[in-house]
Amino acid sequence: MSGNRVARTLVGVLAGAALGVAELLFLCVAWPASLFASTRPAAERGLARLTALERRRLSRWLGHDAEPGGGGYGYLAARAALGVVAGYVLAAGMFLTGLLLAGGLWAVATGQGEPVAVNLPGVRLVTDTAVLGLSNAAFLLVLLAAAAAVAGAGERRLAGRFLGPGRQEVMRRRIAELTATRSGIVRAVDDERRRIERDLHDGVQQRGVALAMLLGRARHSADPARTGELVGQAYTESRRLLDELRSVAWRIYPTALDELGLRAALAGVAERSGGPVTVHYGLAGRPVSEVETALYFVAREAITNAIKHAGAGDILVVLSEDEETVSVAISDDGAGGADPSGGGLSGLARRVLALDGSFAVDSPPGGPTRITATLPKEAPCG
């Protein structure tokens, strides 16, 4: 820790000690006053002013810039006790250090230092009282710096608990979150590529092979009737192949989402699902593209899972919004037991988290299941 930072921390802790005395006196009066309706507003105003002073002190001297909010009598009581104890220890240490330093400097200046023996394990040293005083003062200064650092860390920890994290802590958490979501998006993209490859291999490729075999058999057949039959089968297989291609393309990204919007895309999902799906669309306008896409995939994956794995007989999709966020909630009456760490749901969670949203799965064994995603109306920059 640099000397400037030590000095700032020391000043901040000592200022906190003085403020702590005022806070203790305030609590002795205001805490009982807060129990009565007639005096509660005055007590609350005093509490707000003292908490604001604490925020300024923490920001100015201890480097903790918390967002407005939090506090309360519990914080003020804990802060005052910590501040008074830490301030007393530091003030006593500074007073003792000052005495030793002044005595040592006086002895050096006047030449009144006297020899003194210092016994160490296995060593006997003879030094001067002036040198010894200055050495002790230097040692106490080091202890004071360490004590100030500990007290400052305690102040910041207490403020983080009651007032919220400081700006540096918020930035650290944000960096960690972005690192995690970036890694999650890479995994989600890889999972999606594998899923597309499986769809192409198990569906489109197999039908393409079947079509080629039918055409090959028709080409080498000498019986016109048999050839016509094989061509008819090949035509039917080609239609199935086209349907499979459209299905794969729709699962990758539906054109209706871009052309017609989320309401129409979800209506298509409900129609294709083969089960009873009800969609309540409560959005006033279209979300931004990234958010709209995330809402669509969350709803589609949840519907697919409910029908394919949970055997749901009724599925409800509700889209809602407030001033800052849009949400989709999918509920079903299926067997439950959905695993949030499974490939599909974990991929959706990573997609939502990458947009600064939240994703939750509530699926006890036996059901019902509820999957919720909430996203900001504006996609994050960068």
Foldseek 3Di string as FASTA:
>chain_A
DDPVLLVLLLVLLLVLQVLLVVLVVLCVPLVVLCVDPVRVVVSVVVQVVSVVVLQVSCVRRLVFHFDDDFDDNVLSNVSSVLSNVLNVVLVVLVVLLVVLLVVLVVCVVVVVWDWDWDDDVVDIDIDTSSVVSNVVSVVSVVVSSVSSVVSSVVSQVSCCVTRNGGPVVVVVVVVVLLVVLVVLLVVLVVLVVVVLVCLCVVALVVLVVVLVVLQVCLVPDPDPVVNVVSVVVSVVSVVSNVVSVVVSVVLVPNPCCVVPNLVVNVVVLCVPLPAAEEEAEADPDGFPPLVRVLLNLVVNLVSNCCVPPFVFRYKYWYWHDDPWKIKIKIKTQGQFPDDCPDSSNSSSQSSLVNQVKHWDWDTDGRDIIMIMIMHTSDGDDD
